[in-house]
Amino acid sequence: KVVVPPITNGYGLLALIMQAKLNGGGETNIDPGFEAMIDRIGPNVLTYEPSSGKLSELFQSGDVALAVWGSSRAKALAGTGFPAGFVYPKEGAVALMAAVCPVVDSDVPDLAQSFIRYLVSAEVQAKLAEATGFGPVNKNTKLSPELENSVPFGPEKVGKMVSVDYSIVNKQRQEWTKRWNRQVE
């Protein structure tokens, strides 16, 4: 009753990398990740589902009990009334980012910068955490204890987050995808 997204989905890629890290490898030595996915995780996988909508259906039908997914996805599903939650692994959860960038050579650069400052304000970060499950980037953000427990926020959770070196990953991603398609799925 486990779902792992395919490697073409960011969550699937991160599952592979974390399995490598947990088994003595990492971005520069992915073999332990593939071994874990093939030998220990693969036999328990119901499907390698890329669609969050389909994964929500699988949870709601009772076909799935556990999946590799993000905190914001789990929050969205829980927001429908379904009893879903996100578990932070003791080894740490992978840090994912949402980004906002001003347009280069914009005719309104001051407005663009003002908009970005607004988005990272404590007030808006609290609203984004509530609405989406995103972890606030502004350390002055105030959250309810319940919300604080359900999003990546605070020194303890943030301190345990795991970073991925995409400069290494991106050079090997095409090769890893071919290997995943041959050996994992």
N, C-alpha and C. Protein backbone atom coordinates (compact mmCIF):
# COMPACT_ATOMS: atom_id res chain seq x y z
N LYS A 1 0.82 -1.20 0.00
CA LYS A 1 0.00 0.00 0.00
C LYS A 1 0.86 1.26 0.00
N VAL A 2 1.95 1.22 -0.76
CA VAL A 2 2.89 2.34 -0.84
C VAL A 2 2.91 2.87 -2.27
N VAL A 3 2.99 4.20 -2.40
CA VAL A 3 3.17 4.83 -3.71
C VAL A 3 4.45 5.65 -3.68
N VAL A 4 5.23 5.50 -4.71
CA VAL A 4 6.41 6.33 -4.93
C VAL A 4 6.22 6.96 -6.31
N PRO A 5 6.32 8.27 -6.43
CA PRO A 5 6.25 8.86 -7.76
C PRO A 5 7.45 8.40 -8.60
N PRO A 6 7.33 8.42 -9.91
CA PRO A 6 8.46 8.05 -10.76
C PRO A 6 9.57 9.10 -10.67
N ILE A 7 10.71 8.76 -11.18
CA ILE A 7 11.87 9.66 -11.11
C ILE A 7 11.63 10.94 -11.89
N THR A 8 10.71 10.93 -12.83
CA THR A 8 10.41 12.14 -13.60
C THR A 8 9.62 13.15 -12.78
N ASN A 9 9.15 12.75 -11.63
CA ASN A 9 8.47 13.63 -10.67
C ASN A 9 9.51 13.98 -9.60
N GLY A 10 9.53 15.20 -9.16
CA GLY A 10 10.53 15.62 -8.18
C GLY A 10 10.55 14.76 -6.92
N TYR A 11 9.37 14.33 -6.46
CA TYR A 11 9.32 13.51 -5.25
C TYR A 11 9.98 12.15 -5.47
N GLY A 12 9.82 11.58 -6.63
CA GLY A 12 10.47 10.30 -6.93
C GLY A 12 11.98 10.44 -6.99
N LEU A 13 12.44 11.50 -7.63
CA LEU A 13 13.87 11.78 -7.68
C LEU A 13 14.44 11.94 -6.28
N LEU A 14 13.75 12.70 -5.45
CA LEU A 14 14.23 12.93 -4.09
C LEU A 14 14.19 11.66 -3.24
N ALA A 15 13.22 10.79 -3.49
CA ALA A 15 13.18 9.50 -2.79
C ALA A 15 14.43 8.69 -3.12
N LEU A 16 14.81 8.67 -4.38
CA LEU A 16 16.02 7.95 -4.80
C LEU A 16 17.25 8.53 -4.12
N ILE A 17 17.38 9.84 -4.13
CA ILE A 17 18.55 10.49 -3.53
C ILE A 17 18.60 10.24 -2.03
N MET A 18 17.46 10.34 -1.35
CA MET A 18 17.44 10.10 0.10
C MET A 18 17.78 8.64 0.41
N GLN A 19 17.31 7.71 -0.40
CA GLN A 19 17.67 6.31 -0.17
C GLN A 19 19.16 6.12 -0.36
N ALA A 20 19.75 6.82 -1.32
CA ALA A 20 21.20 6.74 -1.49
C ALA A 20 21.90 7.28 -0.24
N LYS A 21 21.45 8.44 0.25
CA LYS A 21 22.08 9.04 1.44
C LYS A 21 21.93 8.15 2.67
N LEU A 22 20.75 7.54 2.82
CA LEU A 22 20.51 6.69 3.99
C LEU A 22 21.30 5.39 3.95
N ASN A 23 21.82 5.06 2.77
CA ASN A 23 22.54 3.80 2.61
C ASN A 23 24.00 4.00 2.21
N GLY A 24 24.56 5.13 2.61
CA GLY A 24 25.99 5.35 2.43
C GLY A 24 26.39 6.06 1.16
N GLY A 25 25.44 6.47 0.35
CA GLY A 25 25.76 7.17 -0.89
C GLY A 25 25.28 8.61 -0.86
N GLY A 26 24.85 9.07 -2.01
CA GLY A 26 24.37 10.44 -2.14
C GLY A 26 24.33 10.83 -3.59
N GLU A 27 24.35 12.11 -3.85
CA GLU A 27 24.28 12.58 -5.23
C GLU A 27 25.44 12.08 -6.08
N THR A 28 26.61 11.92 -5.48
CA THR A 28 27.78 11.47 -6.24
C THR A 28 27.93 9.95 -6.26
N ASN A 29 27.11 9.25 -5.49
CA ASN A 29 27.12 7.78 -5.45
C ASN A 29 25.68 7.32 -5.28
N ILE A 30 24.96 7.22 -6.38
CA ILE A 30 23.53 6.93 -6.35
C ILE A 30 23.23 5.43 -6.28
N ASP A 31 24.23 4.59 -6.49
CA ASP A 31 24.00 3.14 -6.51
C ASP A 31 23.27 2.62 -5.27
N PRO A 32 23.64 3.04 -4.04
CA PRO A 32 22.89 2.55 -2.87
C PRO A 32 21.41 2.93 -2.92
N GLY A 33 21.09 4.05 -3.54
CA GLY A 33 19.69 4.44 -3.68
C GLY A 33 18.95 3.51 -4.62
N PHE A 34 19.57 3.20 -5.74
CA PHE A 34 18.93 2.26 -6.67
C PHE A 34 18.77 0.89 -6.03
N GLU A 35 19.80 0.44 -5.31
CA GLU A 35 19.70 -0.88 -4.66
C GLU A 35 18.53 -0.90 -3.67
N ALA A 36 18.38 0.15 -2.89
CA ALA A 36 17.27 0.22 -1.92
C ALA A 36 15.92 0.26 -2.63
N MET A 37 15.82 1.06 -3.69
CA MET A 37 14.55 1.17 -4.41
C MET A 37 14.17 -0.17 -5.04
N ILE A 38 15.13 -0.88 -5.58
CA ILE A 38 14.86 -2.15 -6.25
C ILE A 38 14.58 -3.26 -5.24
N ASP A 39 15.46 -3.41 -4.26
CA ASP A 39 15.40 -4.57 -3.37
C ASP A 39 14.45 -4.43 -2.18
N ARG A 40 14.40 -3.25 -1.57
CA ARG A 40 13.63 -3.10 -0.33
C ARG A 40 12.33 -2.32 -0.49
N ILE A 41 12.32 -1.32 -1.30
CA ILE A 41 11.12 -0.49 -1.44
C ILE A 41 10.23 -0.99 -2.56
N GLY A 42 10.80 -1.28 -3.70
CA GLY A 42 10.03 -1.71 -4.87
C GLY A 42 9.03 -2.82 -4.61
N PRO A 43 9.38 -3.87 -3.88
CA PRO A 43 8.41 -4.94 -3.64
C PRO A 43 7.15 -4.49 -2.88
N ASN A 44 7.21 -3.34 -2.22
CA ASN A 44 6.07 -2.83 -1.46
C ASN A 44 5.27 -1.76 -2.20
N VAL A 45 5.71 -1.39 -3.40
CA VAL A 45 5.09 -0.30 -4.14
C VAL A 45 3.90 -0.81 -4.95
N LEU A 46 2.76 -0.18 -4.73
CA LEU A 46 1.56 -0.48 -5.50
C LEU A 46 1.68 0.09 -6.90
N THR A 47 2.12 1.35 -6.98
CA THR A 47 2.27 2.01 -8.27
C THR A 47 3.25 3.16 -8.15
N TYR A 48 3.85 3.53 -9.27
CA TYR A 48 4.71 4.70 -9.35
C TYR A 48 3.88 5.78 -10.02
N GLU A 49 3.14 6.53 -9.20
CA GLU A 49 2.13 7.48 -9.70
C GLU A 49 2.67 8.91 -9.74
N PRO A 50 2.68 9.53 -10.92
CA PRO A 50 3.17 10.91 -11.01
C PRO A 50 2.14 11.98 -10.67
N SER A 51 0.86 11.66 -10.75
CA SER A 51 -0.20 12.65 -10.60
C SER A 51 -0.65 12.80 -9.15
N SER A 52 -0.57 14.02 -8.63
CA SER A 52 -1.05 14.27 -7.27
C SER A 52 -2.54 14.03 -7.15
N GLY A 53 -3.29 14.36 -8.20
CA GLY A 53 -4.74 14.13 -8.18
C GLY A 53 -5.06 12.65 -8.09
N LYS A 54 -4.37 11.83 -8.87
CA LYS A 54 -4.59 10.39 -8.83
C LYS A 54 -4.14 9.81 -7.49
N LEU A 55 -3.04 10.34 -6.95
CA LEU A 55 -2.58 9.86 -5.65
C LEU A 55 -3.60 10.19 -4.56
N SER A 56 -4.21 11.36 -4.63
CA SER A 56 -5.28 11.70 -3.68
C SER A 56 -6.42 10.69 -3.78
N GLU A 57 -6.79 10.32 -5.00
CA GLU A 57 -7.85 9.31 -5.20
C GLU A 57 -7.45 7.98 -4.58
N LEU A 58 -6.19 7.57 -4.75
CA LEU A 58 -5.72 6.30 -4.20
C LEU A 58 -5.78 6.31 -2.67
N PHE A 59 -5.44 7.43 -2.06
CA PHE A 59 -5.58 7.54 -0.60
C PHE A 59 -7.05 7.42 -0.20
N GLN A 60 -7.91 8.17 -0.86
CA GLN A 60 -9.32 8.23 -0.48
C GLN A 60 -10.04 6.90 -0.70
N SER A 61 -9.58 6.11 -1.67
CA SER A 61 -10.20 4.81 -1.91
C SER A 61 -9.69 3.74 -0.95
N GLY A 62 -8.63 4.06 -0.20
CA GLY A 62 -8.06 3.09 0.73
C GLY A 62 -7.03 2.18 0.09
N ASP A 63 -6.72 2.40 -1.19
CA ASP A 63 -5.74 1.57 -1.87
C ASP A 63 -4.32 1.85 -1.40
N VAL A 64 -4.09 3.03 -0.84
CA VAL A 64 -2.76 3.46 -0.44
C VAL A 64 -2.79 3.94 1.01
N ALA A 65 -1.75 3.61 1.75
CA ALA A 65 -1.63 4.07 3.13
C ALA A 65 -0.44 5.00 3.34
N LEU A 66 0.53 4.96 2.42
CA LEU A 66 1.77 5.71 2.58
C LEU A 66 2.29 6.11 1.21
N ALA A 67 2.81 7.33 1.11
CA ALA A 67 3.37 7.78 -0.16
C ALA A 67 4.50 8.76 0.08
N VAL A 68 5.37 8.86 -0.90
CA VAL A 68 6.39 9.89 -0.92
C VAL A 68 5.71 11.12 -1.50
N TRP A 69 5.58 12.17 -0.66
CA TRP A 69 4.81 13.36 -1.04
C TRP A 69 5.30 14.53 -0.24
N GLY A 70 4.90 15.72 -0.62
CA GLY A 70 5.31 16.92 0.10
C GLY A 70 4.30 17.33 1.16
N SER A 71 4.76 18.15 2.10
CA SER A 71 3.89 18.61 3.18
C SER A 71 2.71 19.42 2.65
N SER A 72 2.93 20.20 1.60
CA SER A 72 1.82 21.01 1.07
C SER A 72 0.77 20.12 0.40
N ARG A 73 1.18 19.04 -0.22
CA ARG A 73 0.22 18.10 -0.82
C ARG A 73 -0.60 17.41 0.26
N ALA A 74 0.07 16.98 1.32
CA ALA A 74 -0.65 16.33 2.43
C ALA A 74 -1.64 17.31 3.07
N LYS A 75 -1.23 18.57 3.21
CA LYS A 75 -2.12 19.58 3.78
C LYS A 75 -3.33 19.80 2.88
N ALA A 76 -3.12 19.83 1.57
CA ALA A 76 -4.24 20.02 0.64
C ALA A 76 -5.23 18.87 0.76
N LEU A 77 -4.73 17.64 0.85
CA LEU A 77 -5.62 16.49 0.99
C LEU A 77 -6.36 16.55 2.33
N ALA A 78 -5.65 16.89 3.39
CA ALA A 78 -6.30 17.01 4.70
C ALA A 78 -7.35 18.11 4.69
N GLY A 79 -7.13 19.14 3.89
CA GLY A 79 -8.08 20.23 3.78
C GLY A 79 -9.41 19.83 3.19
N THR A 80 -9.46 18.68 2.53
CA THR A 80 -10.73 18.17 1.98
C THR A 80 -11.53 17.42 3.04
N GLY A 81 -10.94 17.26 4.22
CA GLY A 81 -11.60 16.50 5.28
C GLY A 81 -11.06 15.09 5.42
N PHE A 82 -10.19 14.67 4.51
CA PHE A 82 -9.59 13.33 4.58
C PHE A 82 -8.53 13.33 5.68
N PRO A 83 -8.49 12.29 6.50
CA PRO A 83 -7.52 12.25 7.61
C PRO A 83 -6.10 11.94 7.12
N ALA A 84 -5.43 12.96 6.61
CA ALA A 84 -4.07 12.80 6.09
C ALA A 84 -3.13 13.68 6.89
N GLY A 85 -1.88 13.27 6.94
CA GLY A 85 -0.86 14.06 7.62
C GLY A 85 0.48 13.86 6.96
N PHE A 86 1.43 14.66 7.36
CA PHE A 86 2.80 14.58 6.85
C PHE A 86 3.71 14.20 8.00
N VAL A 87 4.58 13.24 7.77
CA VAL A 87 5.52 12.80 8.79
C VAL A 87 6.91 13.29 8.39
N TYR A 88 7.57 13.97 9.32
CA TYR A 88 8.94 14.40 9.08
C TYR A 88 9.86 13.26 9.48
N PRO A 89 10.58 12.69 8.53
CA PRO A 89 11.48 11.58 8.86
C PRO A 89 12.53 12.02 9.89
N LYS A 90 12.90 11.11 10.77
CA LYS A 90 13.91 11.45 11.78
C LYS A 90 15.24 11.83 11.12
N GLU A 91 15.47 11.32 9.91
CA GLU A 91 16.69 11.65 9.18
C GLU A 91 16.63 13.04 8.56
N GLY A 92 15.44 13.62 8.52
CA GLY A 92 15.24 14.94 7.93
C GLY A 92 14.45 14.85 6.64
N ALA A 93 13.66 15.87 6.40
CA ALA A 93 12.90 15.98 5.15
C ALA A 93 13.70 16.82 4.17
N VAL A 94 13.52 16.56 2.90
CA VAL A 94 14.22 17.34 1.88
C VAL A 94 13.59 18.72 1.77
N ALA A 95 14.43 19.73 1.73
CA ALA A 95 13.96 21.11 1.58
C ALA A 95 13.58 21.35 0.11
N LEU A 96 12.35 21.75 -0.10
CA LEU A 96 11.89 22.14 -1.44
C LEU A 96 11.62 23.63 -1.41
N MET A 97 11.75 24.28 -2.55
CA MET A 97 11.55 25.73 -2.56
C MET A 97 10.51 26.14 -3.58
N ALA A 98 9.75 27.12 -3.20
CA ALA A 98 8.94 27.88 -4.14
C ALA A 98 9.71 29.18 -4.34
N ALA A 99 9.70 29.71 -5.52
CA ALA A 99 10.51 30.90 -5.79
C ALA A 99 9.69 31.97 -6.48
N VAL A 100 10.11 33.19 -6.28
CA VAL A 100 9.55 34.33 -7.00
C VAL A 100 10.74 35.18 -7.45
N CYS A 101 10.72 35.57 -8.71
CA CYS A 101 11.85 36.31 -9.27
C CYS A 101 11.34 37.49 -10.09
N PRO A 102 11.98 38.64 -9.96
CA PRO A 102 11.58 39.76 -10.80
C PRO A 102 12.04 39.54 -12.24
N VAL A 103 11.33 40.13 -13.16
CA VAL A 103 11.69 40.03 -14.58
C VAL A 103 12.88 40.94 -14.84
N VAL A 104 13.88 40.42 -15.53
CA VAL A 104 15.04 41.22 -15.89
C VAL A 104 14.61 42.32 -16.85
N ASP A 105 15.16 43.49 -16.66
CA ASP A 105 14.87 44.65 -17.52
C ASP A 105 13.39 45.01 -17.55
N SER A 106 12.70 44.78 -16.44
CA SER A 106 11.30 45.17 -16.32
C SER A 106 11.17 46.69 -16.40
N ASP A 107 10.02 47.15 -16.87
CA ASP A 107 9.79 48.59 -16.89
C ASP A 107 9.26 49.09 -15.55
N VAL A 108 9.05 48.16 -14.60
CA VAL A 108 8.58 48.53 -13.26
C VAL A 108 9.40 47.80 -12.18
N PRO A 109 10.72 47.97 -12.18
CA PRO A 109 11.55 47.21 -11.24
C PRO A 109 11.23 47.50 -9.78
N ASP A 110 10.88 48.73 -9.46
CA ASP A 110 10.57 49.06 -8.06
C ASP A 110 9.31 48.34 -7.60
N LEU A 111 8.31 48.26 -8.48
CA LEU A 111 7.08 47.53 -8.14
C LEU A 111 7.37 46.04 -7.97
N ALA A 112 8.23 45.50 -8.82
CA ALA A 112 8.58 44.08 -8.71
C ALA A 112 9.24 43.80 -7.36
N GLN A 113 10.17 44.65 -6.96
CA GLN A 113 10.84 44.46 -5.67
C GLN A 113 9.86 44.63 -4.51
N SER A 114 8.95 45.58 -4.64
CA SER A 114 7.93 45.78 -3.59
C SER A 114 7.04 44.55 -3.46
N PHE A 115 6.69 43.97 -4.59
CA PHE A 115 5.85 42.77 -4.57
C PHE A 115 6.58 41.62 -3.88
N ILE A 116 7.84 41.45 -4.18
CA ILE A 116 8.62 40.38 -3.55
C ILE A 116 8.73 40.62 -2.04
N ARG A 117 8.99 41.86 -1.64
CA ARG A 117 9.04 42.17 -0.20
C ARG A 117 7.70 41.85 0.47
N TYR A 118 6.61 42.15 -0.22
CA TYR A 118 5.28 41.85 0.30
C TYR A 118 5.12 40.33 0.48
N LEU A 119 5.52 39.56 -0.52
CA LEU A 119 5.36 38.10 -0.45
C LEU A 119 6.15 37.48 0.69
N VAL A 120 7.29 38.04 1.02
CA VAL A 120 8.10 37.46 2.10
C VAL A 120 7.84 38.14 3.45
N SER A 121 6.86 39.02 3.51
CA SER A 121 6.50 39.64 4.79
C SER A 121 5.93 38.57 5.72
N ALA A 122 6.07 38.78 7.01
CA ALA A 122 5.59 37.81 8.00
C ALA A 122 4.09 37.55 7.83
N GLU A 123 3.32 38.60 7.57
CA GLU A 123 1.87 38.44 7.42
C GLU A 123 1.51 37.54 6.24
N VAL A 124 2.12 37.77 5.10
CA VAL A 124 1.81 36.97 3.91
C VAL A 124 2.37 35.56 4.06
N GLN A 125 3.54 35.41 4.67
CA GLN A 125 4.09 34.08 4.90
C GLN A 125 3.17 33.25 5.78
N ALA A 126 2.55 33.86 6.78
CA ALA A 126 1.58 33.15 7.63
C ALA A 126 0.37 32.71 6.81
N LYS A 127 -0.10 33.58 5.93
CA LYS A 127 -1.25 33.23 5.08
C LYS A 127 -0.90 32.11 4.11
N LEU A 128 0.30 32.15 3.54
CA LEU A 128 0.73 31.07 2.63
C LEU A 128 0.87 29.75 3.38
N ALA A 129 1.39 29.79 4.59
CA ALA A 129 1.50 28.56 5.39
C ALA A 129 0.13 27.97 5.65
N GLU A 130 -0.82 28.81 6.01
CA GLU A 130 -2.19 28.36 6.29
C GLU A 130 -2.86 27.80 5.03
N ALA A 131 -2.71 28.49 3.92
CA ALA A 131 -3.42 28.11 2.69
C ALA A 131 -2.76 26.97 1.94
N THR A 132 -1.43 26.89 1.97
CA THR A 132 -0.73 25.94 1.11
C THR A 132 0.12 24.92 1.84
N GLY A 133 0.45 25.19 3.10
CA GLY A 133 1.37 24.31 3.81
C GLY A 133 2.82 24.64 3.57
N PHE A 134 3.09 25.75 2.87
CA PHE A 134 4.48 26.16 2.65
C PHE A 134 5.09 26.59 3.98
N GLY A 135 6.35 26.28 4.18
CA GLY A 135 7.05 26.74 5.36
C GLY A 135 7.48 28.19 5.17
N PRO A 136 7.21 29.03 6.14
CA PRO A 136 7.60 30.44 6.02
C PRO A 136 9.11 30.63 5.92
N VAL A 137 9.51 31.58 5.10
CA VAL A 137 10.93 31.93 4.99
C VAL A 137 11.29 33.11 5.88
N ASN A 138 10.29 33.78 6.41
CA ASN A 138 10.50 34.92 7.29
C ASN A 138 10.46 34.42 8.74
N LYS A 139 11.59 34.53 9.44
CA LYS A 139 11.67 33.99 10.80
C LYS A 139 10.78 34.73 11.78
N ASN A 140 10.26 35.89 11.41
CA ASN A 140 9.36 36.64 12.28
C ASN A 140 7.89 36.27 12.10
N THR A 141 7.63 35.29 11.25
CA THR A 141 6.26 34.84 11.02
C THR A 141 5.70 34.20 12.28
N LYS A 142 4.48 34.52 12.61
CA LYS A 142 3.79 33.94 13.77
C LYS A 142 2.74 32.96 13.27
N LEU A 143 2.82 31.73 13.76
CA LEU A 143 1.87 30.68 13.39
C LEU A 143 1.22 30.12 14.64
N SER A 144 0.02 29.59 14.48
CA SER A 144 -0.62 28.88 15.59
C SER A 144 0.19 27.63 15.89
N PRO A 145 0.14 27.11 17.12
CA PRO A 145 0.88 25.88 17.42
C PRO A 145 0.50 24.73 16.49
N GLU A 146 -0.77 24.60 16.16
CA GLU A 146 -1.21 23.53 15.26
C GLU A 146 -0.57 23.68 13.88
N LEU A 147 -0.59 24.89 13.34
CA LEU A 147 0.00 25.13 12.02
C LEU A 147 1.51 24.97 12.07
N GLU A 148 2.12 25.43 13.14
CA GLU A 148 3.56 25.31 13.30
C GLU A 148 3.99 23.84 13.26
N ASN A 149 3.16 22.96 13.80
CA ASN A 149 3.47 21.53 13.79
C ASN A 149 3.25 20.88 12.43
N SER A 150 2.48 21.52 11.56
CA SER A 150 2.13 20.86 10.30
C SER A 150 2.91 21.38 9.10
N VAL A 151 3.73 22.40 9.28
CA VAL A 151 4.52 22.92 8.15
C VAL A 151 5.99 22.95 8.53
N PRO A 152 6.88 22.99 7.55
CA PRO A 152 8.31 23.08 7.87
C PRO A 152 8.63 24.48 8.39
N PHE A 153 8.72 24.60 9.70
CA PHE A 153 8.92 25.90 10.34
C PHE A 153 9.60 25.71 11.69
N GLY A 154 10.43 26.65 12.05
CA GLY A 154 11.09 26.63 13.34
C GLY A 154 12.49 26.05 13.24
N PRO A 155 13.36 26.44 14.15
CA PRO A 155 14.76 26.03 14.08
C PRO A 155 14.97 24.52 14.08
N GLU A 156 14.17 23.79 14.85
CA GLU A 156 14.37 22.34 14.94
C GLU A 156 14.08 21.66 13.60
N LYS A 157 12.90 21.93 13.03
CA LYS A 157 12.54 21.31 11.74
C LYS A 157 13.44 21.79 10.62
N VAL A 158 13.65 23.09 10.55
CA VAL A 158 14.47 23.64 9.47
C VAL A 158 15.90 23.14 9.59
N GLY A 159 16.40 23.03 10.81
CA GLY A 159 17.75 22.55 11.03
C GLY A 159 17.97 21.11 10.59
N LYS A 160 16.90 20.32 10.57
CA LYS A 160 17.00 18.92 10.15
C LYS A 160 16.74 18.73 8.65
N MET A 161 16.39 19.81 7.96
CA MET A 161 16.07 19.65 6.54
C MET A 161 17.33 19.30 5.76
N VAL A 162 17.14 18.51 4.73
CA VAL A 162 18.24 18.00 3.91
C VAL A 162 18.26 18.76 2.59
N SER A 163 19.43 19.21 2.20
CA SER A 163 19.60 19.88 0.92
C SER A 163 20.10 18.90 -0.12
N VAL A 164 19.74 19.16 -1.36
CA VAL A 164 20.19 18.34 -2.48
C VAL A 164 21.04 19.23 -3.39
N ASP A 165 22.16 18.71 -3.85
CA ASP A 165 23.04 19.46 -4.74
C ASP A 165 22.61 19.22 -6.19
N TYR A 166 21.75 20.11 -6.68
CA TYR A 166 21.22 19.94 -8.03
C TYR A 166 22.27 20.17 -9.11
N SER A 167 23.38 20.81 -8.79
CA SER A 167 24.43 20.96 -9.80
C SER A 167 25.02 19.59 -10.13
N ILE A 168 25.01 18.69 -9.19
CA ILE A 168 25.45 17.31 -9.43
C ILE A 168 24.31 16.49 -10.03
N VAL A 169 23.14 16.59 -9.44
CA VAL A 169 21.98 15.81 -9.88
C VAL A 169 21.65 16.07 -11.34
N ASN A 170 21.60 17.34 -11.73
CA ASN A 170 21.17 17.67 -13.09
C ASN A 170 22.10 17.12 -14.16
N LYS A 171 23.38 16.98 -13.84
CA LYS A 171 24.33 16.40 -14.80
C LYS A 171 24.07 14.91 -15.03
N GLN A 172 23.45 14.25 -14.04
CA GLN A 172 23.26 12.80 -14.11
C GLN A 172 21.80 12.38 -14.28
N ARG A 173 20.91 13.34 -14.27
CA ARG A 173 19.48 13.02 -14.21
C ARG A 173 19.01 12.18 -15.39
N GLN A 174 19.47 12.50 -16.59
CA GLN A 174 19.04 11.73 -17.76
C GLN A 174 19.48 10.27 -17.64
N GLU A 175 20.71 10.05 -17.21
CA GLU A 175 21.21 8.68 -17.02
C GLU A 175 20.43 7.97 -15.92
N TRP A 176 20.16 8.65 -14.81
CA TRP A 176 19.39 8.06 -13.72
C TRP A 176 17.98 7.71 -14.16
N THR A 177 17.39 8.56 -14.97
CA THR A 177 16.02 8.30 -15.45
C THR A 177 15.99 7.05 -16.31
N LYS A 178 16.94 6.89 -17.20
CA LYS A 178 17.01 5.68 -18.03
C LYS A 178 17.19 4.44 -17.14
N ARG A 179 18.07 4.54 -16.18
CA ARG A 179 18.32 3.41 -15.28
C ARG A 179 17.07 3.09 -14.46
N TRP A 180 16.38 4.11 -13.94
CA TRP A 180 15.15 3.92 -13.18
C TRP A 180 14.12 3.18 -14.03
N ASN A 181 13.97 3.64 -15.26
CA ASN A 181 12.97 3.02 -16.15
C ASN A 181 13.31 1.56 -16.45
N ARG A 182 14.58 1.23 -16.52
CA ARG A 182 15.00 -0.16 -16.78
C ARG A 182 14.92 -1.03 -15.53
N GLN A 183 15.32 -0.48 -14.37
CA GLN A 183 15.53 -1.32 -13.20
C GLN A 183 14.48 -1.19 -12.09
N VAL A 184 13.85 -0.03 -11.97
CA VAL A 184 12.95 0.19 -10.84
C VAL A 184 11.50 -0.06 -11.23
N GLU A 185 11.04 0.59 -12.28
CA GLU A 185 9.62 0.44 -12.65
C GLU A 185 9.40 -0.75 -13.58
